[in-house]
Amino acid sequence: MQRGYAALCLAVGCAIAGSLALDAGGALAGAIGYGYTYGELIGRAFLACAVGCGCYGAYVLVGSFLAHRTADKVERHKLRSILRLATAVVGTIAVLGVVTDRWVPALVSLGVAGFAVTFALQQPLLSLFGWVYIMAKEPYQVGDRVAIDDEMGDVIDVDFLVTTLWEIDGGLVTSNQPSGRHITVPNSVVLSTGVTNFSRESFPYVWNEVSVQVAYETDLDFASGEMRAVAEELLGEQMARAVADYREQLAETPVELEVNERPSVNVDPEGTFVTLRLRYLVPPKRGRRTKNELYRRIIARFNENPERVAFPVGRNR
């Protein structure tokens, strides 16, 4: 806030200085080109500084006002990006307006020159169009966990040209854990490749599985029941509420699926052992933590009942 007020005060000072310089044009006579005198040149320079400082001060103050009006970090980030672009456009036109009386031809000239450099700026322009697409269609937002062009991570910033991810996995770690590295992906990528969003706002859950291998001598009904009971204890009503939301969203589409509102277990015979796969719904950023806890509790339950649950010979599971 203080920076905004200081910038506005500086803008007022520059505007006054510019007006005085223009009024004193006769005292600083002598054309230097394009019909401008020294006084006019100095005055217009001060006015251009006034416009720049005024736009910056307005950006800071309006940004602070909007930040206090919403507690949603994603919404604040989006509003700040749009405000920054609008300020840049308005500031450019305003500076042209005070620097030259022929600002409309100047804009036309800039447009003609823009066509000349379009091929040199293809990638930045495509990235800018990609940013507009991201703001309008929202394939992802700040805070979402996404996979873009073989890169996976949590979105921490969406700028005009690039999206910055906090990398997940990436060869340094496994099991959907942050690596600590930042990845920048050009926004143009979203126009030409698929985006996988694991935690979109409307449904921030993914299906996950825990697999346990047991011997054929195992009481499969008992083992499956124990796995479901463990998942029910840990996930409880949270999964039921998430599945209810999932069914509501499915009802709005032509897709028809059978969705269990409670954890389920699939039995998959595999040669010398049987794999029991516990299927459940979980927020993606808690996937590894939840899987670790489920596996720990399931193994503990199975070890408490060795007469009903047997592991493959050599415990090769």
Protein backbone atom coordinates (compact mmCIF):
# COMPACT_ATOMS: atom_id res chain seq x y z
CA MET A 1 0.00 0.00 0.00
CA GLN A 2 2.75 2.47 0.90
CA ARG A 3 4.50 1.86 -2.43
CA GLY A 4 1.25 2.62 -4.25
CA TYR A 5 0.73 5.92 -2.44
CA ALA A 6 4.37 6.88 -2.95
CA ALA A 7 4.09 6.14 -6.68
CA LEU A 8 0.95 8.28 -6.96
CA CYS A 9 2.63 11.17 -5.13
CA LEU A 10 5.60 10.90 -7.48
CA ALA A 11 3.19 10.85 -10.44
CA VAL A 12 1.59 14.10 -9.23
CA GLY A 13 5.01 15.71 -8.84
CA CYS A 14 6.09 14.63 -12.34
CA ALA A 15 2.81 15.87 -13.80
CA ILE A 16 3.28 19.30 -12.20
CA ALA A 17 6.89 19.46 -13.41
CA GLY A 18 5.82 18.43 -16.90
CA SER A 19 3.09 21.05 -17.05
CA LEU A 20 5.49 23.77 -15.91
CA ALA A 21 8.05 22.70 -18.51
CA LEU A 22 5.43 22.81 -21.27
CA ASP A 23 4.23 26.25 -20.13
CA ALA A 24 7.83 27.48 -20.11
CA GLY A 25 8.47 26.22 -23.64
CA GLY A 26 9.35 29.67 -24.86
CA ALA A 27 12.19 29.99 -22.35
CA LEU A 28 13.69 26.75 -23.64
CA ALA A 29 13.25 27.50 -27.32
CA GLY A 30 14.94 25.70 -30.11
CA ALA A 31 13.41 22.90 -32.12
CA ILE A 32 15.25 19.59 -31.94
CA GLY A 33 13.17 17.61 -34.38
CA TYR A 34 9.56 16.69 -35.16
CA GLY A 35 8.61 20.27 -34.24
CA TYR A 36 9.38 19.85 -30.51
CA THR A 37 11.30 22.42 -28.47
CA TYR A 38 13.53 21.55 -25.56
CA GLY A 39 10.81 22.67 -23.18
CA GLU A 40 8.23 20.41 -24.82
CA LEU A 41 10.61 17.48 -24.80
CA ILE A 42 11.36 17.86 -21.10
CA GLY A 43 7.69 18.41 -20.30
CA ARG A 44 6.55 15.33 -22.20
CA ALA A 45 9.29 13.25 -20.55
CA PHE A 46 8.00 14.30 -17.11
CA LEU A 47 4.42 13.54 -18.18
CA ALA A 48 5.47 10.09 -19.41
CA CYS A 49 7.08 9.45 -16.01
CA ALA A 50 3.87 10.67 -14.36
CA VAL A 51 1.81 8.19 -16.38
CA GLY A 52 4.19 5.33 -15.56
CA CYS A 53 4.21 6.10 -11.84
CA GLY A 54 0.44 6.61 -11.82
CA CYS A 55 -0.21 3.27 -13.52
CA TYR A 56 2.14 1.48 -11.12
CA GLY A 57 0.56 3.14 -8.09
CA ALA A 58 -2.93 2.28 -9.31
CA TYR A 59 -1.84 -1.33 -9.95
CA VAL A 60 -0.47 -1.68 -6.40
CA LEU A 61 -3.51 -0.10 -4.72
CA VAL A 62 -6.12 -1.93 -6.79
CA GLY A 63 -4.20 -5.19 -6.34
CA SER A 64 -4.14 -4.70 -2.57
CA PHE A 65 -7.86 -3.91 -2.54
CA LEU A 66 -8.71 -7.04 -4.52
CA ALA A 67 -6.42 -9.14 -2.31
CA HIS A 68 -8.37 -8.04 0.76
CA ARG A 69 -11.71 -8.72 -0.91
CA THR A 70 -11.03 -12.42 -1.54
CA ALA A 71 -9.33 -15.02 0.63
CA ASP A 72 -8.98 -17.49 -2.26
CA LYS A 73 -5.32 -17.65 -3.33
CA VAL A 74 -6.23 -18.97 -6.78
CA GLU A 75 -8.69 -16.14 -7.39
CA ARG A 76 -6.16 -13.55 -6.16
CA HIS A 77 -3.52 -14.89 -8.52
CA LYS A 78 -5.89 -14.77 -11.49
CA LEU A 79 -7.07 -11.23 -10.72
CA ARG A 80 -3.49 -10.03 -10.26
CA SER A 81 -2.44 -11.46 -13.64
CA ILE A 82 -5.37 -9.85 -15.48
CA LEU A 83 -4.80 -6.55 -13.66
CA ARG A 84 -1.11 -6.60 -14.61
CA LEU A 85 -1.93 -7.11 -18.30
CA ALA A 86 -4.63 -4.40 -18.28
CA THR A 87 -2.27 -1.95 -16.57
CA ALA A 88 0.44 -2.61 -19.16
CA VAL A 89 -1.96 -2.01 -22.08
CA VAL A 90 -3.50 1.15 -20.59
CA GLY A 91 -0.08 2.47 -19.57
CA THR A 92 1.36 1.95 -23.06
CA ILE A 93 -1.50 3.83 -24.72
CA ALA A 94 -1.36 6.62 -22.12
CA VAL A 95 2.40 7.09 -22.54
CA LEU A 96 1.99 7.33 -26.32
CA GLY A 97 -0.76 9.87 -25.75
CA VAL A 98 1.47 12.24 -23.75
CA VAL A 99 4.68 11.66 -25.70
CA THR A 100 3.20 12.50 -29.11
CA ASP A 101 0.07 14.20 -30.41
CA ARG A 102 0.03 11.66 -33.22
CA TRP A 103 -0.48 8.64 -30.97
CA VAL A 104 -3.07 6.97 -33.23
CA PRO A 105 -0.63 6.81 -36.17
CA ALA A 106 1.99 5.67 -33.69
CA LEU A 107 -0.23 2.77 -32.64
CA VAL A 108 -0.83 1.91 -36.29
CA SER A 109 2.91 2.00 -36.89
CA LEU A 110 3.44 -0.30 -33.94
CA GLY A 111 0.84 -2.66 -35.41
CA VAL A 112 2.56 -2.68 -38.79
CA ALA A 113 5.91 -3.25 -37.13
CA GLY A 114 4.30 -6.03 -35.12
CA PHE A 115 3.50 -7.96 -38.27
CA ALA A 116 7.15 -7.69 -39.28
CA VAL A 117 8.38 -9.33 -36.09
CA THR A 118 5.56 -11.87 -35.73
CA PHE A 119 7.66 -14.75 -37.06
CA ALA A 120 10.48 -13.90 -34.66
CA LEU A 121 8.05 -13.88 -31.73
CA GLN A 122 5.90 -16.86 -32.61
CA GLN A 123 6.62 -18.80 -29.44
CA PRO A 124 6.06 -15.89 -27.01
CA LEU A 125 2.83 -14.98 -28.82
CA LEU A 126 1.60 -18.57 -28.68
CA SER A 127 2.46 -18.64 -24.97
CA LEU A 128 0.45 -15.44 -24.46
CA PHE A 129 -2.51 -17.02 -26.27
CA GLY A 130 -1.98 -20.09 -24.09
CA TRP A 131 -2.22 -17.86 -20.99
CA VAL A 132 -5.52 -16.42 -22.25
CA TYR A 133 -6.77 -19.99 -22.79
CA ILE A 134 -5.70 -21.01 -19.27
CA MET A 135 -7.46 -17.99 -17.74
CA ALA A 136 -10.65 -18.60 -19.76
CA LYS A 137 -11.00 -22.41 -19.78
CA GLU A 138 -9.12 -23.18 -16.55
CA PRO A 139 -7.56 -26.55 -17.43
CA TYR A 140 -5.58 -25.94 -14.23
CA GLN A 141 -5.13 -23.29 -11.56
CA VAL A 142 -2.51 -22.34 -9.01
CA GLY A 143 -2.31 -25.12 -6.41
CA ASP A 144 -3.44 -27.94 -8.72
CA ARG A 145 -1.32 -31.05 -9.23
CA VAL A 146 -0.93 -31.57 -12.97
CA ALA A 147 1.05 -33.38 -15.64
CA ILE A 148 1.96 -31.22 -18.65
CA ASP A 149 4.07 -32.48 -21.54
CA ASP A 150 5.70 -35.28 -19.48
CA GLU A 151 6.32 -32.91 -16.56
CA MET A 152 4.46 -33.44 -13.29
CA GLY A 153 4.14 -31.10 -10.35
CA ASP A 154 2.08 -28.64 -8.33
CA VAL A 155 1.29 -25.35 -10.09
CA ILE A 156 2.81 -22.44 -8.14
CA ASP A 157 2.55 -19.68 -10.75
CA VAL A 158 0.89 -18.99 -14.12
CA ASP A 159 2.60 -16.04 -15.81
CA PHE A 160 1.89 -14.52 -19.23
CA LEU A 161 4.43 -16.80 -20.89
CA VAL A 162 5.19 -19.77 -18.62
CA THR A 163 3.64 -22.00 -15.99
CA THR A 164 5.89 -22.85 -13.04
CA LEU A 165 5.58 -26.26 -11.38
CA TRP A 166 6.96 -27.57 -8.11
CA GLU A 167 8.24 -30.89 -9.47
CA ILE A 168 6.86 -34.25 -8.31
CA ASP A 169 9.08 -37.33 -8.81
CA GLY A 170 11.23 -36.28 -11.77
CA GLY A 171 13.93 -38.94 -11.42
CA LEU A 172 15.20 -37.76 -8.04
CA VAL A 173 12.46 -39.26 -5.88
CA THR A 174 9.53 -41.64 -6.38
CA SER A 175 6.05 -42.31 -5.06
CA ASN A 176 4.63 -38.89 -5.96
CA GLN A 177 6.96 -36.98 -3.66
CA PRO A 178 8.25 -33.42 -4.30
CA SER A 179 11.81 -33.27 -5.61
CA GLY A 180 12.35 -29.62 -4.64
CA ARG A 181 13.02 -28.51 -8.21
CA HIS A 182 11.03 -25.89 -10.13
CA ILE A 183 9.98 -26.54 -13.74
CA THR A 184 8.89 -23.83 -16.18
CA VAL A 185 6.61 -24.97 -19.00
CA PRO A 186 5.69 -22.59 -21.86
CA ASN A 187 1.98 -21.80 -21.85
CA SER A 188 1.88 -22.61 -25.55
CA VAL A 189 2.18 -26.31 -24.64
CA VAL A 190 -1.45 -26.41 -23.46
CA LEU A 191 -2.56 -25.57 -27.01
CA SER A 192 -0.87 -28.61 -28.52
CA THR A 193 -0.76 -31.33 -25.86
CA GLY A 194 -2.95 -32.87 -23.20
CA VAL A 195 -3.05 -31.67 -19.60
CA THR A 196 -3.73 -34.12 -16.78
CA ASN A 197 -5.21 -32.43 -13.71
CA PHE A 198 -5.15 -34.61 -10.59
CA SER A 199 -6.76 -32.11 -8.23
CA ARG A 200 -9.15 -29.86 -10.10
CA GLU A 201 -11.32 -27.74 -7.85
CA SER A 202 -14.63 -29.37 -8.81
CA PHE A 203 -13.39 -32.86 -7.84
CA PRO A 204 -10.03 -32.90 -5.99
CA TYR A 205 -9.77 -36.70 -5.64
CA VAL A 206 -8.24 -39.63 -7.50
CA TRP A 207 -8.76 -43.38 -7.28
CA ASN A 208 -5.86 -45.23 -5.73
CA GLU A 209 -4.97 -48.83 -4.89
CA VAL A 210 -3.03 -50.81 -2.31
CA SER A 211 -1.92 -54.27 -3.46
CA VAL A 212 -1.07 -57.17 -1.15
CA GLN A 213 0.02 -60.64 -2.34
CA VAL A 214 -1.23 -63.66 -0.38
CA ALA A 215 -1.01 -67.42 -0.82
CA TYR A 216 -3.81 -69.52 -2.28
CA GLU A 217 -4.38 -71.04 1.18
CA THR A 218 -5.65 -67.66 2.41
CA ASP A 219 -9.29 -67.18 3.37
CA LEU A 220 -9.91 -64.63 0.62
CA ASP A 221 -13.26 -63.46 1.97
CA PHE A 222 -11.75 -62.79 5.39
CA ALA A 223 -8.69 -61.05 3.96
CA SER A 224 -10.80 -58.89 1.67
CA GLY A 225 -13.11 -57.97 4.53
CA GLU A 226 -10.17 -56.97 6.73
CA MET A 227 -8.77 -54.72 3.99
CA ARG A 228 -12.13 -53.03 3.51
CA ALA A 229 -12.51 -52.58 7.27
CA VAL A 230 -9.10 -50.93 7.56
CA ALA A 231 -9.89 -48.54 4.70
CA GLU A 232 -13.28 -47.75 6.21
CA GLU A 233 -11.66 -46.87 9.54
CA LEU A 234 -9.12 -44.56 7.93
CA LEU A 235 -11.20 -42.94 5.20
CA GLY A 236 -14.69 -43.25 6.65
CA GLU A 237 -17.38 -40.84 5.52
CA GLN A 238 -14.92 -38.69 3.59
CA MET A 239 -14.89 -41.17 0.72
CA ALA A 240 -18.70 -41.50 0.78
CA ARG A 241 -19.09 -37.71 0.42
CA ALA A 242 -16.51 -37.62 -2.37
CA VAL A 243 -18.27 -40.43 -4.24
CA ALA A 244 -21.59 -38.58 -3.90
CA ASP A 245 -19.99 -35.57 -5.61
CA TYR A 246 -18.49 -37.88 -8.22
CA ARG A 247 -21.90 -39.38 -9.01
CA GLU A 248 -23.46 -35.92 -9.35
CA GLN A 249 -20.83 -34.93 -11.89
CA LEU A 250 -21.20 -38.22 -13.77
CA ALA A 251 -24.96 -37.62 -13.97
CA GLU A 252 -24.29 -34.45 -16.00
CA THR A 253 -22.40 -36.46 -18.64
CA PRO A 254 -23.38 -39.34 -20.97
CA VAL A 255 -20.92 -41.60 -19.12
CA GLU A 256 -22.46 -44.47 -17.12
CA LEU A 257 -20.32 -46.08 -14.44
CA GLU A 258 -20.88 -48.19 -11.35
CA VAL A 259 -19.18 -46.37 -8.49
CA ASN A 260 -18.81 -47.90 -5.03
CA GLU A 261 -19.23 -45.40 -2.24
CA ARG A 262 -17.11 -47.57 0.07
CA PRO A 263 -13.64 -49.09 -0.43
CA SER A 264 -13.66 -52.29 -2.50
CA VAL A 265 -11.24 -55.17 -3.03
CA ASN A 266 -10.50 -56.88 -6.34
CA VAL A 267 -9.03 -60.40 -6.41
CA ASP A 268 -6.44 -61.12 -9.09
CA PRO A 269 -4.82 -64.61 -9.29
CA GLU A 270 -1.22 -64.38 -10.51
CA GLY A 271 0.57 -67.70 -10.87
CA THR A 272 1.84 -68.78 -7.45
CA PHE A 273 -0.02 -66.15 -5.41
CA VAL A 274 -3.16 -64.04 -5.33
CA THR A 275 -3.10 -60.25 -5.40
CA LEU A 276 -5.72 -58.39 -3.39
CA ARG A 277 -6.16 -54.82 -4.63
CA LEU A 278 -7.87 -52.37 -2.29
CA ARG A 279 -9.47 -49.54 -4.28
CA TYR A 280 -10.38 -46.23 -2.63
CA LEU A 281 -10.73 -42.49 -3.25
CA VAL A 282 -8.17 -40.02 -1.85
CA PRO A 283 -6.90 -36.46 -2.39
CA PRO A 284 -3.85 -36.79 -4.70
CA LYS A 285 -1.52 -34.86 -2.42
CA ARG A 286 -2.27 -37.30 0.40
CA GLY A 287 -2.00 -40.40 -1.77
CA ARG A 288 1.39 -41.67 -0.61
CA ARG A 289 0.72 -40.94 3.07
CA THR A 290 -2.65 -42.71 2.91
CA LYS A 291 -1.19 -45.71 1.06
CA ASN A 292 1.59 -46.12 3.62
CA GLU A 293 -0.86 -46.05 6.52
CA LEU A 294 -3.26 -48.49 4.86
CA TYR A 295 -0.48 -50.93 4.05
CA ARG A 296 0.88 -50.77 7.60
CA ARG A 297 -2.53 -51.46 9.15
CA ILE A 298 -3.42 -54.22 6.67
CA ILE A 299 -0.19 -56.15 7.27
CA ALA A 300 -0.70 -55.80 11.03
CA ARG A 301 -4.24 -57.24 10.73
CA PHE A 302 -3.04 -60.12 8.57
CA ASN A 303 -0.19 -60.96 10.96
CA GLU A 304 -2.71 -61.14 13.80
CA ASN A 305 -4.54 -63.94 11.95
CA PRO A 306 -1.85 -66.30 10.58
CA GLU A 307 -4.31 -69.21 10.56
CA ARG A 308 -6.52 -67.40 8.01
CA VAL A 309 -4.00 -65.38 6.02
CA ALA A 310 -0.90 -66.95 4.48
CA PHE A 311 1.76 -65.16 2.49
CA PRO A 312 3.51 -66.73 -0.53
CA VAL A 313 6.55 -68.89 0.14
CA GLY A 314 9.61 -66.73 0.63
CA ARG A 315 7.29 -63.74 1.18
CA ASN A 316 7.94 -62.69 -2.38
CA ARG A 317 5.28 -59.99 -2.56
